[in-house]
Amino acid sequence: ATLRAMFDGWRTISVPMKADYVRLAELANEGAKGLGFADTGALWRSNY
């Protein structure tokens, strides 16, 4: 019961992040395309 409470409780701190994260991903993708990549994930995978 304690473990579940800790697990669930910590994950309440990230609920307010979602809108900012969605917007940041949109902007990063726009920037990655400007550098010639399909999206930000493709940019990251191009490091290898």
PDB file of all heavy atoms in Angstrom:
ATOM      1  N   ALA A   1       0.829  -1.208   0.000  1.00  0.00           N
ATOM      2  CA  ALA A   1       0.000   0.000   0.000  1.00  0.00           C
ATOM      3  C   ALA A   1       0.863   1.258   0.000  1.00  0.00           C
ATOM      4  O   ALA A   1       0.582   2.235  -0.710  1.00  0.00           O
ATOM      5  CB  ALA A   1      -0.931  -0.007   1.213  1.00  0.00           C
ATOM      6  N   THR A   2       1.928   1.233   0.789  1.00  0.00           N
ATOM      7  CA  THR A   2       2.842   2.374   0.826  1.00  0.00           C
ATOM      8  C   THR A   2       3.555   2.542  -0.512  1.00  0.00           C
ATOM      9  O   THR A   2       3.694   3.664  -1.028  1.00  0.00           O
ATOM     10  CB  THR A   2       3.878   2.198   1.951  1.00  0.00           C
ATOM     11  OG1 THR A   2       3.195   2.111   3.208  1.00  0.00           O
ATOM     12  CG2 THR A   2       4.857   3.356   1.980  1.00  0.00           C
ATOM     13  N   LEU A   3       4.001   1.438  -1.077  1.00  0.00           N
ATOM     14  CA  LEU A   3       4.705   1.495  -2.356  1.00  0.00           C
ATOM     15  C   LEU A   3       3.796   2.062  -3.450  1.00  0.00           C
ATOM     16  O   LEU A   3       4.227   2.892  -4.266  1.00  0.00           O
ATOM     17  CB  LEU A   3       5.208   0.103  -2.747  1.00  0.00           C
ATOM     18  CG  LEU A   3       6.333  -0.458  -1.870  1.00  0.00           C
ATOM     19  CD1 LEU A   3       6.582  -1.922  -2.197  1.00  0.00           C
ATOM     20  CD2 LEU A   3       7.617   0.359  -2.057  1.00  0.00           C
ATOM     21  N   ARG A   4       2.555   1.617  -3.450  1.00  0.00           N
ATOM     22  CA  ARG A   4       1.607   2.137  -4.432  1.00  0.00           C
ATOM     23  C   ARG A   4       1.385   3.631  -4.231  1.00  0.00           C
ATOM     24  O   ARG A   4       1.335   4.401  -5.198  1.00  0.00           O
ATOM     25  CB  ARG A   4       0.283   1.386  -4.330  1.00  0.00           C
ATOM     26  CG  ARG A   4      -0.818   1.962  -5.207  1.00  0.00           C
ATOM     27  CD  ARG A   4      -2.088   1.134  -5.111  1.00  0.00           C
ATOM     28  NE  ARG A   4      -3.216   1.824  -5.736  1.00  0.00           N
ATOM     29  CZ  ARG A   4      -4.422   1.290  -5.895  1.00  0.00           C
ATOM     30  NH1 ARG A   4      -4.650   0.053  -5.486  1.00  0.00           N
ATOM     31  NH2 ARG A   4      -5.379   1.975  -6.464  1.00  0.00           N
ATOM     32  N   ALA A   5       1.268   4.051  -2.988  1.00  0.00           N
ATOM     33  CA  ALA A   5       1.051   5.472  -2.701  1.00  0.00           C
ATOM     34  C   ALA A   5       2.240   6.315  -3.171  1.00  0.00           C
ATOM     35  O   ALA A   5       2.057   7.419  -3.705  1.00  0.00           O
ATOM     36  CB  ALA A   5       0.805   5.679  -1.213  1.00  0.00           C
ATOM     37  N   MET A   6       3.452   5.819  -2.955  1.00  0.00           N
ATOM     38  CA  MET A   6       4.652   6.537  -3.410  1.00  0.00           C
ATOM     39  C   MET A   6       4.704   6.588  -4.939  1.00  0.00           C
ATOM     40  O   MET A   6       4.987   7.642  -5.535  1.00  0.00           O
ATOM     41  CB  MET A   6       5.916   5.846  -2.879  1.00  0.00           C
ATOM     42  CG  MET A   6       6.096   5.895  -1.378  1.00  0.00           C
ATOM     43  SD  MET A   6       6.378   7.565  -0.718  1.00  0.00           S
ATOM     44  CE  MET A   6       4.775   7.873   0.035  1.00  0.00           C
ATOM     45  N   PHE A   7       4.432   5.462  -5.555  1.00  0.00           N
ATOM     46  CA  PHE A   7       4.471   5.356  -7.022  1.00  0.00           C
ATOM     47  C   PHE A   7       3.449   6.299  -7.653  1.00  0.00           C
ATOM     48  O   PHE A   7       3.777   7.090  -8.549  1.00  0.00           O
ATOM     49  CB  PHE A   7       4.179   3.913  -7.415  1.00  0.00           C
ATOM     50  CG  PHE A   7       4.299   3.624  -8.888  1.00  0.00           C
ATOM     51  CD1 PHE A   7       5.482   3.143  -9.414  1.00  0.00           C
ATOM     52  CD2 PHE A   7       3.224   3.807  -9.743  1.00  0.00           C
ATOM     53  CE1 PHE A   7       5.605   2.862 -10.779  1.00  0.00           C
ATOM     54  CE2 PHE A   7       3.329   3.543 -11.099  1.00  0.00           C
ATOM     55  CZ  PHE A   7       4.520   3.059 -11.616  1.00  0.00           C
ATOM     56  N   ASP A   8       2.217   6.238  -7.185  1.00  0.00           N
ATOM     57  CA  ASP A   8       1.152   7.088  -7.731  1.00  0.00           C
ATOM     58  C   ASP A   8       1.377   8.554  -7.366  1.00  0.00           C
ATOM     59  O   ASP A   8       1.162   9.456  -8.193  1.00  0.00           O
ATOM     60  CB  ASP A   8      -0.215   6.643  -7.212  1.00  0.00           C
ATOM     61  CG  ASP A   8      -0.655   5.306  -7.794  1.00  0.00           C
ATOM     62  OD1 ASP A   8      -0.024   4.847  -8.769  1.00  0.00           O
ATOM     63  OD2 ASP A   8      -1.632   4.721  -7.266  1.00  0.00           O
ATOM     64  N   GLY A   9       1.806   8.789  -6.130  1.00  0.00           N
ATOM     65  CA  GLY A   9       1.983  10.163  -5.664  1.00  0.00           C
ATOM     66  C   GLY A   9       3.028  10.915  -6.463  1.00  0.00           C
ATOM     67  O   GLY A   9       2.800  12.066  -6.853  1.00  0.00           O
ATOM     68  N   TRP A  10       4.174  10.278  -6.720  1.00  0.00           N
ATOM     69  CA  TRP A  10       5.220  10.966  -7.472  1.00  0.00           C
ATOM     70  C   TRP A  10       4.733  11.334  -8.878  1.00  0.00           C
ATOM     71  O   TRP A  10       5.098  12.377  -9.415  1.00  0.00           O
ATOM     72  CB  TRP A  10       6.501  10.138  -7.545  1.00  0.00           C
ATOM     73  CG  TRP A  10       7.544  10.832  -8.373  1.00  0.00           C
ATOM     74  CD1 TRP A  10       8.039  10.466  -9.580  1.00  0.00           C
ATOM     75  CD2 TRP A  10       8.167  12.091  -8.056  1.00  0.00           C
ATOM     76  NE1 TRP A  10       8.931  11.396 -10.046  1.00  0.00           N
ATOM     77  CE2 TRP A  10       9.034  12.406  -9.124  1.00  0.00           C
ATOM     78  CE3 TRP A  10       8.065  12.979  -6.980  1.00  0.00           C
ATOM     79  CZ2 TRP A  10       9.789  13.577  -9.147  1.00  0.00           C
ATOM     80  CZ3 TRP A  10       8.829  14.143  -7.005  1.00  0.00           C
ATOM     81  CH2 TRP A  10       9.681  14.436  -8.074  1.00  0.00           C
ATOM     82  N   ARG A  11       3.893  10.512  -9.452  1.00  0.00           N
ATOM     83  CA  ARG A  11       3.422  10.766 -10.817  1.00  0.00           C
ATOM     84  C   ARG A  11       2.359  11.863 -10.905  1.00  0.00           C
ATOM     85  O   ARG A  11       1.991  12.267 -12.009  1.00  0.00           O
ATOM     86  CB  ARG A  11       2.947   9.453 -11.453  1.00  0.00           C
ATOM     87  CG  ARG A  11       4.144   8.631 -11.928  1.00  0.00           C
ATOM     88  CD  ARG A  11       3.901   7.136 -12.017  1.00  0.00           C
ATOM     89  NE  ARG A  11       5.133   6.473 -12.468  1.00  0.00           N
ATOM     90  CZ  ARG A  11       6.178   6.200 -11.673  1.00  0.00           C
ATOM     91  NH1 ARG A  11       6.127   6.541 -10.387  1.00  0.00           N
ATOM     92  NH2 ARG A  11       7.261   5.608 -12.160  1.00  0.00           N
ATOM     93  N   THR A  12       1.919  12.366  -9.758  1.00  0.00           N
ATOM     94  CA  THR A  12       1.032  13.535  -9.805  1.00  0.00           C
ATOM     95  C   THR A  12       1.811  14.805 -10.136  1.00  0.00           C
ATOM     96  O   THR A  12       1.225  15.786 -10.607  1.00  0.00           O
ATOM     97  CB  THR A  12       0.288  13.743  -8.470  1.00  0.00           C
ATOM     98  OG1 THR A  12       1.248  13.994  -7.420  1.00  0.00           O
ATOM     99  CG2 THR A  12      -0.544  12.516  -8.108  1.00  0.00           C
ATOM    100  N   ILE A  13       3.128  14.804  -9.891  1.00  0.00           N
ATOM    101  CA  ILE A  13       3.903  16.037 -10.100  1.00  0.00           C
ATOM    102  C   ILE A  13       4.062  16.352 -11.584  1.00  0.00           C
ATOM    103  O   ILE A  13       4.347  17.489 -11.958  1.00  0.00           O
ATOM    104  CB  ILE A  13       5.288  15.955  -9.418  1.00  0.00           C
ATOM    105  CG1 ILE A  13       6.207  14.964 -10.119  1.00  0.00           C
ATOM    106  CG2 ILE A  13       5.143  15.645  -7.946  1.00  0.00           C
ATOM    107  CD1 ILE A  13       7.262  15.560 -10.990  1.00  0.00           C
ATOM    108  N   SER A  14       3.882  15.356 -12.452  1.00  0.00           N
ATOM    109  CA  SER A  14       4.115  15.573 -13.877  1.00  0.00           C
ATOM    110  C   SER A  14       2.846  15.932 -14.655  1.00  0.00           C
ATOM    111  O   SER A  14       2.936  16.280 -15.841  1.00  0.00           O
ATOM    112  CB  SER A  14       4.762  14.327 -14.501  1.00  0.00           C
ATOM    113  OG  SER A  14       4.013  13.165 -14.217  1.00  0.00           O
ATOM    114  N   VAL A  15       1.684  15.857 -14.015  1.00  0.00           N
ATOM    115  CA  VAL A  15       0.433  16.183 -14.723  1.00  0.00           C
ATOM    116  C   VAL A  15       0.468  17.594 -15.322  1.00  0.00           C
ATOM    117  O   VAL A  15       0.096  17.787 -16.488  1.00  0.00           O
ATOM    118  CB  VAL A  15      -0.778  16.018 -13.775  1.00  0.00           C
ATOM    119  CG1 VAL A  15      -2.054  16.504 -14.442  1.00  0.00           C
ATOM    120  CG2 VAL A  15      -0.921  14.548 -13.360  1.00  0.00           C
ATOM    121  N   PRO A  16       0.949  18.619 -14.576  1.00  0.00           N
ATOM    122  CA  PRO A  16       0.940  19.977 -15.150  1.00  0.00           C
ATOM    123  C   PRO A  16       1.922  20.180 -16.306  1.00  0.00           C
ATOM    124  O   PRO A  16       1.871  21.224 -16.966  1.00  0.00           O
ATOM    125  CB  PRO A  16       1.350  20.860 -13.951  1.00  0.00           C
ATOM    126  CG  PRO A  16       1.166  20.020 -12.739  1.00  0.00           C
ATOM    127  CD  PRO A  16       1.386  18.619 -13.176  1.00  0.00           C
ATOM    128  N   MET A  17       2.814  19.214 -16.549  1.00  0.00           N
ATOM    129  CA  MET A  17       3.831  19.380 -17.590  1.00  0.00           C
ATOM    130  C   MET A  17       3.293  19.193 -19.005  1.00  0.00           C
ATOM    131  O   MET A  17       3.892  19.656 -19.966  1.00  0.00           O
ATOM    132  CB  MET A  17       4.958  18.360 -17.404  1.00  0.00           C
ATOM    133  CG  MET A  17       5.758  18.451 -16.151  1.00  0.00           C
ATOM    134  SD  MET A  17       6.990  17.111 -16.163  1.00  0.00           S
ATOM    135  CE  MET A  17       7.699  17.271 -14.535  1.00  0.00           C
ATOM    136  N   LYS A  18       2.190  18.499 -19.155  1.00  0.00           N
ATOM    137  CA  LYS A  18       1.831  17.969 -20.468  1.00  0.00           C
ATOM    138  C   LYS A  18       1.661  19.049 -21.531  1.00  0.00           C
ATOM    139  O   LYS A  18       2.205  18.923 -22.646  1.00  0.00           O
ATOM    140  CB  LYS A  18       0.554  17.131 -20.378  1.00  0.00           C
ATOM    141  CG  LYS A  18       0.220  16.437 -21.693  1.00  0.00           C
ATOM    142  CD  LYS A  18      -0.956  15.487 -21.559  1.00  0.00           C
ATOM    143  CE  LYS A  18      -1.288  14.829 -22.889  1.00  0.00           C
ATOM    144  NZ  LYS A  18      -2.439  13.911 -22.782  1.00  0.00           N
ATOM    145  N   ALA A  19       0.948  20.104 -21.231  1.00  0.00           N
ATOM    146  CA  ALA A  19       0.708  21.132 -22.249  1.00  0.00           C
ATOM    147  C   ALA A  19       2.016  21.763 -22.716  1.00  0.00           C
ATOM    148  O   ALA A  19       2.232  21.970 -23.919  1.00  0.00           O
ATOM    149  CB  ALA A  19      -0.230  22.207 -21.700  1.00  0.00           C
ATOM    150  N   ASP A  20       2.904  22.049 -21.762  1.00  0.00           N
ATOM    151  CA  ASP A  20       4.203  22.612 -22.129  1.00  0.00           C
ATOM    152  C   ASP A  20       5.011  21.624 -22.965  1.00  0.00           C
ATOM    153  O   ASP A  20       5.696  22.015 -23.912  1.00  0.00           O
ATOM    154  CB  ASP A  20       5.000  22.978 -20.880  1.00  0.00           C
ATOM    155  CG  ASP A  20       4.514  24.264 -20.223  1.00  0.00           C
ATOM    156  OD1 ASP A  20       3.666  24.953 -20.830  1.00  0.00           O
ATOM    157  OD2 ASP A  20       4.971  24.585 -19.108  1.00  0.00           O
ATOM    158  N   TYR A  21       4.948  20.345 -22.604  1.00  0.00           N
ATOM    159  CA  TYR A  21       5.722  19.345 -23.336  1.00  0.00           C
ATOM    160  C   TYR A  21       5.219  19.215 -24.776  1.00  0.00           C
ATOM    161  O   TYR A  21       6.022  19.123 -25.710  1.00  0.00           O
ATOM    162  CB  TYR A  21       5.649  17.987 -22.629  1.00  0.00           C
ATOM    163  CG  TYR A  21       6.635  16.990 -23.202  1.00  0.00           C
ATOM    164  CD1 TYR A  21       7.960  16.975 -22.779  1.00  0.00           C
ATOM    165  CD2 TYR A  21       6.247  16.083 -24.188  1.00  0.00           C
ATOM    166  CE1 TYR A  21       8.874  16.087 -23.316  1.00  0.00           C
ATOM    167  CE2 TYR A  21       7.153  15.191 -24.734  1.00  0.00           C
ATOM    168  CZ  TYR A  21       8.467  15.195 -24.293  1.00  0.00           C
ATOM    169  OH  TYR A  21       9.366  14.316 -24.841  1.00  0.00           O
ATOM    170  N   VAL A  22       3.910  19.225 -24.942  1.00  0.00           N
ATOM    171  CA  VAL A  22       3.326  19.128 -26.293  1.00  0.00           C
ATOM    172  C   VAL A  22       3.798  20.294 -27.151  1.00  0.00           C
ATOM    173  O   VAL A  22       4.225  20.120 -28.303  1.00  0.00           O
ATOM    174  CB  VAL A  22       1.786  19.107 -26.219  1.00  0.00           C
ATOM    175  CG1 VAL A  22       1.177  19.237 -27.612  1.00  0.00           C
ATOM    176  CG2 VAL A  22       1.306  17.808 -25.557  1.00  0.00           C
ATOM    177  N   ARG A  23       3.732  21.492 -26.606  1.00  0.00           N
ATOM    178  CA  ARG A  23       4.135  22.682 -27.357  1.00  0.00           C
ATOM    179  C   ARG A  23       5.632  22.652 -27.673  1.00  0.00           C
ATOM    180  O   ARG A  23       6.053  22.992 -28.787  1.00  0.00           O
ATOM    181  CB  ARG A  23       3.782  23.936 -26.565  1.00  0.00           C
ATOM    182  CG  ARG A  23       4.188  25.248 -27.238  1.00  0.00           C
ATOM    183  CD  ARG A  23       3.533  25.409 -28.593  1.00  0.00           C
ATOM    184  NE  ARG A  23       3.915  26.683 -29.220  1.00  0.00           N
ATOM    185  CZ  ARG A  23       3.858  26.901 -30.524  1.00  0.00           C
ATOM    186  NH1 ARG A  23       3.442  25.935 -31.339  1.00  0.00           N
ATOM    187  NH2 ARG A  23       4.215  28.071 -31.017  1.00  0.00           N
ATOM    188  N   LEU A  24       6.447  22.234 -26.696  1.00  0.00           N
ATOM    189  CA  LEU A  24       7.889  22.185 -26.919  1.00  0.00           C
ATOM    190  C   LEU A  24       8.241  21.199 -28.026  1.00  0.00           C
ATOM    191  O   LEU A  24       9.118  21.461 -28.859  1.00  0.00           O
ATOM    192  CB  LEU A  24       8.596  21.798 -25.617  1.00  0.00           C
ATOM    193  CG  LEU A  24      10.125  21.914 -25.611  1.00  0.00           C
ATOM    194  CD1 LEU A  24      10.565  23.356 -25.844  1.00  0.00           C
ATOM    195  CD2 LEU A  24      10.687  21.397 -24.292  1.00  0.00           C
ATOM    196  N   ALA A  25       7.549  20.072 -28.054  1.00  0.00           N
ATOM    197  CA  ALA A  25       7.790  19.083 -29.102  1.00  0.00           C
ATOM    198  C   ALA A  25       7.435  19.645 -30.479  1.00  0.00           C
ATOM    199  O   ALA A  25       8.143  19.409 -31.472  1.00  0.00           O
ATOM    200  CB  ALA A  25       6.986  17.811 -28.824  1.00  0.00           C
ATOM    201  N   GLU A  26       6.348  20.398 -30.548  1.00  0.00           N
ATOM    202  CA  GLU A  26       5.949  21.013 -31.821  1.00  0.00           C
ATOM    203  C   GLU A  26       7.027  21.970 -32.327  1.00  0.00           C
ATOM    204  O   GLU A  26       7.397  21.957 -33.507  1.00  0.00           O
ATOM    205  CB  GLU A  26       4.628  21.782 -31.646  1.00  0.00           C
ATOM    206  CG  GLU A  26       3.412  20.914 -31.401  1.00  0.00           C
ATOM    207  CD  GLU A  26       2.177  21.742 -31.055  1.00  0.00           C
ATOM    208  OE1 GLU A  26       2.320  22.981 -30.876  1.00  0.00           O
ATOM    209  OE2 GLU A  26       1.086  21.166 -30.945  1.00  0.00           O
ATOM    210  N   LEU A  27       7.524  22.815 -31.433  1.00  0.00           N
ATOM    211  CA  LEU A  27       8.541  23.790 -31.817  1.00  0.00           C
ATOM    212  C   LEU A  27       9.851  23.113 -32.201  1.00  0.00           C
ATOM    213  O   LEU A  27      10.505  23.510 -33.171  1.00  0.00           O
ATOM    214  CB  LEU A  27       8.766  24.775 -30.670  1.00  0.00           C
ATOM    215  CG  LEU A  27       7.625  25.738 -30.381  1.00  0.00           C
ATOM    216  CD1 LEU A  27       7.841  26.458 -29.052  1.00  0.00           C
ATOM    217  CD2 LEU A  27       7.477  26.756 -31.502  1.00  0.00           C
ATOM    218  N   ALA A  28      10.242  22.103 -31.429  1.00  0.00           N
ATOM    219  CA  ALA A  28      11.493  21.394 -31.735  1.00  0.00           C
ATOM    220  C   ALA A  28      11.413  20.720 -33.098  1.00  0.00           C
ATOM    221  O   ALA A  28      12.390  20.725 -33.865  1.00  0.00           O
ATOM    222  CB  ALA A  28      11.784  20.357 -30.648  1.00  0.00           C
ATOM    223  N   ASN A  29      10.272  20.151 -33.418  1.00  0.00           N
ATOM    224  CA  ASN A  29      10.107  19.529 -34.736  1.00  0.00           C
ATOM    225  C   ASN A  29      10.236  20.560 -35.861  1.00  0.00           C
ATOM    226  O   ASN A  29      10.853  20.290 -36.895  1.00  0.00           O
ATOM    227  CB  ASN A  29       8.746  18.837 -34.831  1.00  0.00           C
ATOM    228  CG  ASN A  29       8.803  17.390 -34.393  1.00  0.00           C
ATOM    229  OD1 ASN A  29       9.883  16.816 -34.239  1.00  0.00           O
ATOM    230  ND2 ASN A  29       7.647  16.788 -34.193  1.00  0.00           N
ATOM    231  N   GLU A  30       9.650  21.725 -35.643  1.00  0.00           N
ATOM    232  CA  GLU A  30       9.761  22.782 -36.653  1.00  0.00           C
ATOM    233  C   GLU A  30      11.225  23.172 -36.853  1.00  0.00           C
ATOM    234  O   GLU A  30      11.697  23.356 -37.983  1.00  0.00           O
ATOM    235  CB  GLU A  30       8.932  23.988 -36.222  1.00  0.00           C
ATOM    236  CG  GLU A  30       8.829  25.085 -37.275  1.00  0.00           C
ATOM    237  CD  GLU A  30       8.018  26.287 -36.791  1.00  0.00           C
ATOM    238  OE1 GLU A  30       7.248  26.143 -35.821  1.00  0.00           O
ATOM    239  OE2 GLU A  30       8.194  27.375 -37.381  1.00  0.00           O
ATOM    240  N   GLY A  31      11.957  23.271 -35.734  1.00  0.00           N
ATOM    241  CA  GLY A  31      13.367  23.601 -35.820  1.00  0.00           C
ATOM    242  C   GLY A  31      14.187  22.506 -36.482  1.00  0.00           C
ATOM    243  O   GLY A  31      15.089  22.785 -37.284  1.00  0.00           O
ATOM    244  N   ALA A  32      13.887  21.252 -36.172  1.00  0.00           N
ATOM    245  CA  ALA A  32      14.626  20.133 -36.758  1.00  0.00           C
ATOM    246  C   ALA A  32      14.433  20.088 -38.271  1.00  0.00           C
ATOM    247  O   ALA A  32      15.378  19.814 -39.030  1.00  0.00           O
ATOM    248  CB  ALA A  32      14.168  18.819 -36.125  1.00  0.00           C
ATOM    249  N   LYS A  33      13.215  20.368 -38.706  1.00  0.00           N
ATOM    250  CA  LYS A  33      12.960  20.383 -40.154  1.00  0.00           C
ATOM    251  C   LYS A  33      13.752  21.500 -40.830  1.00  0.00           C
ATOM    252  O   LYS A  33      14.227  21.337 -41.955  1.00  0.00           O
ATOM    253  CB  LYS A  33      11.466  20.523 -40.410  1.00  0.00           C
ATOM    254  CG  LYS A  33      10.687  19.259 -40.046  1.00  0.00           C
ATOM    255  CD  LYS A  33       9.176  19.462 -40.116  1.00  0.00           C
ATOM    256  CE  LYS A  33       8.459  18.184 -39.681  1.00  0.00           C
ATOM    257  NZ  LYS A  33       6.986  18.348 -39.614  1.00  0.00           N
ATOM    258  N   GLY A  34      13.920  22.618 -40.127  1.00  0.00           N
ATOM    259  CA  GLY A  34      14.725  23.703 -40.666  1.00  0.00           C
ATOM    260  C   GLY A  34      16.190  23.334 -40.829  1.00  0.00           C
ATOM    261  O   GLY A  34      16.892  23.907 -41.665  1.00  0.00           O
ATOM    262  N   LEU A  35      16.654  22.366 -40.046  1.00  0.00           N
ATOM    263  CA  LEU A  35      18.031  21.889 -40.164  1.00  0.00           C
ATOM    264  C   LEU A  35      18.167  20.752 -41.172  1.00  0.00           C
ATOM    265  O   LEU A  35      19.266  20.254 -41.397  1.00  0.00           O
ATOM    266  CB  LEU A  35      18.533  21.407 -38.797  1.00  0.00           C
ATOM    267  CG  LEU A  35      18.856  22.491 -37.764  1.00  0.00           C
ATOM    268  CD1 LEU A  35      19.119  21.859 -36.405  1.00  0.00           C
ATOM    269  CD2 LEU A  35      20.048  23.324 -38.202  1.00  0.00           C
ATOM    270  N   GLY A  36      17.041  20.315 -41.731  1.00  0.00           N
ATOM    271  CA  GLY A  36      17.090  19.269 -42.749  1.00  0.00           C
ATOM    272  C   GLY A  36      16.728  17.882 -42.264  1.00  0.00           C
ATOM    273  O   GLY A  36      16.964  16.897 -42.976  1.00  0.00           O
ATOM    274  N   PHE A  37      16.142  17.770 -41.068  1.00  0.00           N
ATOM    275  CA  PHE A  37      15.763  16.462 -40.522  1.00  0.00           C
ATOM    276  C   PHE A  37      14.243  16.281 -40.582  1.00  0.00           C
ATOM    277  O   PHE A  37      13.489  17.260 -40.546  1.00  0.00           O
ATOM    278  CB  PHE A  37      16.244  16.325 -39.080  1.00  0.00           C
ATOM    279  CG  PHE A  37      17.738  16.421 -38.930  1.00  0.00           C
ATOM    280  CD1 PHE A  37      18.340  17.625 -38.590  1.00  0.00           C
ATOM    281  CD2 PHE A  37      18.553  15.321 -39.159  1.00  0.00           C
ATOM    282  CE1 PHE A  37      19.718  17.727 -38.466  1.00  0.00           C
ATOM    283  CE2 PHE A  37      19.925  15.414 -39.039  1.00  0.00           C
ATOM    284  CZ  PHE A  37      20.512  16.616 -38.693  1.00  0.00           C
ATOM    285  N   ALA A  38      13.795  15.040 -40.643  1.00  0.00           N
ATOM    286  CA  ALA A  38      12.362  14.760 -40.724  1.00  0.00           C
ATOM    287  C   ALA A  38      11.626  15.220 -39.469  1.00  0.00           C
ATOM    288  O   ALA A  38      10.510  15.720 -39.536  1.00  0.00           O
ATOM    289  CB  ALA A  38      12.123  13.270 -40.960  1.00  0.00           C
ATOM    290  N   ASP A  39      12.260  15.043 -38.306  1.00  0.00           N
ATOM    291  CA  ASP A  39      11.693  15.460 -37.030  1.00  0.00           C
ATOM    292  C   ASP A  39      12.798  15.401 -35.990  1.00  0.00           C
ATOM    293  O   ASP A  39      13.931  15.008 -36.293  1.00  0.00           O
ATOM    294  CB  ASP A  39      10.491  14.589 -36.635  1.00  0.00           C
ATOM    295  CG  ASP A  39      10.830  13.112 -36.544  1.00  0.00           C
ATOM    296  OD1 ASP A  39      11.653  12.735 -35.685  1.00  0.00           O
ATOM    297  OD2 ASP A  39      10.277  12.315 -37.340  1.00  0.00           O
ATOM    298  N   THR A  40      12.495  15.779 -34.759  1.00  0.00           N
ATOM    299  CA  THR A  40      13.519  15.823 -33.718  1.00  0.00           C
ATOM    300  C   THR A  40      14.065  14.438 -33.404  1.00  0.00           C
ATOM    301  O   THR A  40      15.266  14.274 -33.133  1.00  0.00           O
ATOM    302  CB  THR A  40      12.947  16.469 -32.445  1.00  0.00           C
ATOM    303  OG1 THR A  40      12.394  17.746 -32.778  1.00  0.00           O
ATOM    304  CG2 THR A  40      14.024  16.655 -31.387  1.00  0.00           C
ATOM    305  N   GLY A  41      13.225  13.427 -33.410  1.00  0.00           N
ATOM    306  CA  GLY A  41      13.704  12.064 -33.177  1.00  0.00           C
ATOM    307  C   GLY A  41      14.702  11.639 -34.236  1.00  0.00           C
ATOM    308  O   GLY A  41      15.711  10.983 -33.937  1.00  0.00           O
ATOM    309  N   ALA A  42      14.445  11.997 -35.490  1.00  0.00           N
ATOM    310  CA  ALA A  42      15.380  11.676 -36.571  1.00  0.00           C
ATOM    311  C   ALA A  42      16.698  12.399 -36.368  1.00  0.00           C
ATOM    312  O   ALA A  42      17.778  11.846 -36.639  1.00  0.00           O
ATOM    313  CB  ALA A  42      14.768  12.043 -37.920  1.00  0.00           C
ATOM    314  N   LEU A  43      16.639  13.638 -35.867  1.00  0.00           N
ATOM    315  CA  LEU A  43      17.873  14.373 -35.551  1.00  0.00           C
ATOM    316  C   LEU A  43      18.679  13.610 -34.501  1.00  0.00           C
ATOM    317  O   LEU A  43      19.885  13.405 -34.650  1.00  0.00           O
ATOM    318  CB  LEU A  43      17.512  15.770 -35.056  1.00  0.00           C
ATOM    319  CG  LEU A  43      18.650  16.759 -34.766  1.00  0.00           C
ATOM    320  CD1 LEU A  43      18.137  18.196 -34.868  1.00  0.00           C
ATOM    321  CD2 LEU A  43      19.249  16.559 -33.370  1.00  0.00           C
ATOM    322  N   TRP A  44      18.021  13.196 -33.426  1.00  0.00           N
ATOM    323  CA  TRP A  44      18.729  12.458 -32.373  1.00  0.00           C
ATOM    324  C   TRP A  44      19.345  11.172 -32.920  1.00  0.00           C
ATOM    325  O   TRP A  44      20.478  10.833 -32.587  1.00  0.00           O
ATOM    326  CB  TRP A  44      17.760  12.117 -31.241  1.00  0.00           C
ATOM    327  CG  TRP A  44      17.309  13.289 -30.426  1.00  0.00           C
ATOM    328  CD1 TRP A  44      17.545  14.622 -30.676  1.00  0.00           C
ATOM    329  CD2 TRP A  44      16.535  13.249 -29.226  1.00  0.00           C
ATOM    330  NE1 TRP A  44      16.961  15.402 -29.715  1.00  0.00           N
ATOM    331  CE2 TRP A  44      16.337  14.602 -28.811  1.00  0.00           C
ATOM    332  CE3 TRP A  44      15.984  12.222 -28.473  1.00  0.00           C
ATOM    333  CZ2 TRP A  44      15.614  14.919 -27.660  1.00  0.00           C
ATOM    334  CZ3 TRP A  44      15.256  12.544 -27.334  1.00  0.00           C
ATOM    335  CH2 TRP A  44      15.071  13.880 -26.928  1.00  0.00           C
ATOM    336  N   ARG A  45      18.597  10.449 -33.754  1.00  0.00           N
ATOM    337  CA  ARG A  45      19.089   9.164 -34.264  1.00  0.00           C
ATOM    338  C   ARG A  45      20.184   9.343 -35.312  1.00  0.00           C
ATOM    339  O   ARG A  45      20.855   8.371 -35.668  1.00  0.00           O
ATOM    340  CB  ARG A  45      17.932   8.344 -34.849  1.00  0.00           C
ATOM    341  CG  ARG A  45      16.884   7.950 -33.834  1.00  0.00           C
ATOM    342  CD  ARG A  45      15.919   6.898 -34.355  1.00  0.00           C
ATOM    343  NE  ARG A  45      15.187   7.300 -35.536  1.00  0.00           N
ATOM    344  CZ  ARG A  45      14.088   8.059 -35.552  1.00  0.00           C
ATOM    345  NH1 ARG A  45      13.608   8.524 -34.394  1.00  0.00           N
ATOM    346  NH2 ARG A  45      13.467   8.362 -36.682  1.00  0.00           N
ATOM    347  N   SER A  46      20.363  10.570 -35.788  1.00  0.00           N
ATOM    348  CA  SER A  46      21.404  10.836 -36.788  1.00  0.00           C
ATOM    349  C   SER A  46      22.786  11.003 -36.169  1.00  0.00           C
ATOM    350  O   SER A  46      23.765  11.203 -36.885  1.00  0.00           O
ATOM    351  CB  SER A  46      21.050  12.098 -37.585  1.00  0.00           C
ATOM    352  OG  SER A  46      19.844  11.912 -38.306  1.00  0.00           O
ATOM    353  N   ASN A  47      22.876  10.896 -34.857  1.00  0.00           N
ATOM    354  CA  ASN A  47      24.154  11.061 -34.154  1.00  0.00           C
ATOM    355  C   ASN A  47      25.026   9.810 -34.174  1.00  0.00           C
ATOM    356  O   ASN A  47      26.047   9.780 -33.484  1.00  0.00           O
ATOM    357  CB  ASN A  47      23.886  11.447 -32.691  1.00  0.00           C
ATOM    358  CG  ASN A  47      23.835  12.954 -32.483  1.00  0.00           C
ATOM    359  OD1 ASN A  47      24.838  13.639 -32.661  1.00  0.00           O
ATOM    360  ND2 ASN A  47      22.665  13.476 -32.133  1.00  0.00           N
ATOM    361  N   TYR A  48      24.633   8.783 -34.928  1.00  0.00           N
ATOM    362  CA  TYR A  48      25.303   7.481 -34.796  1.00  0.00           C
ATOM    363  C   TYR A  48      25.901   6.971 -36.100  1.00  0.00           C
ATOM    364  O   TYR A  48      26.042   5.762 -36.292  1.00  0.00           O
ATOM    365  CB  TYR A  48      24.319   6.466 -34.197  1.00  0.00           C
ATOM    366  CG  TYR A  48      23.850   6.886 -32.820  1.00  0.00           C
ATOM    367  CD1 TYR A  48      22.657   7.604 -32.663  1.00  0.00           C
ATOM    368  CD2 TYR A  48      24.616   6.637 -31.700  1.00  0.00           C
ATOM    369  CE1 TYR A  48      22.238   8.025 -31.414  1.00  0.00           C
ATOM    370  CE2 TYR A  48      24.203   7.053 -30.444  1.00  0.00           C
ATOM    371  CZ  TYR A  48      23.021   7.750 -30.308  1.00  0.00           C
ATOM    372  OH  TYR A  48      22.614   8.174 -29.065  1.00  0.00           O
TER     373      TYR A  48
END
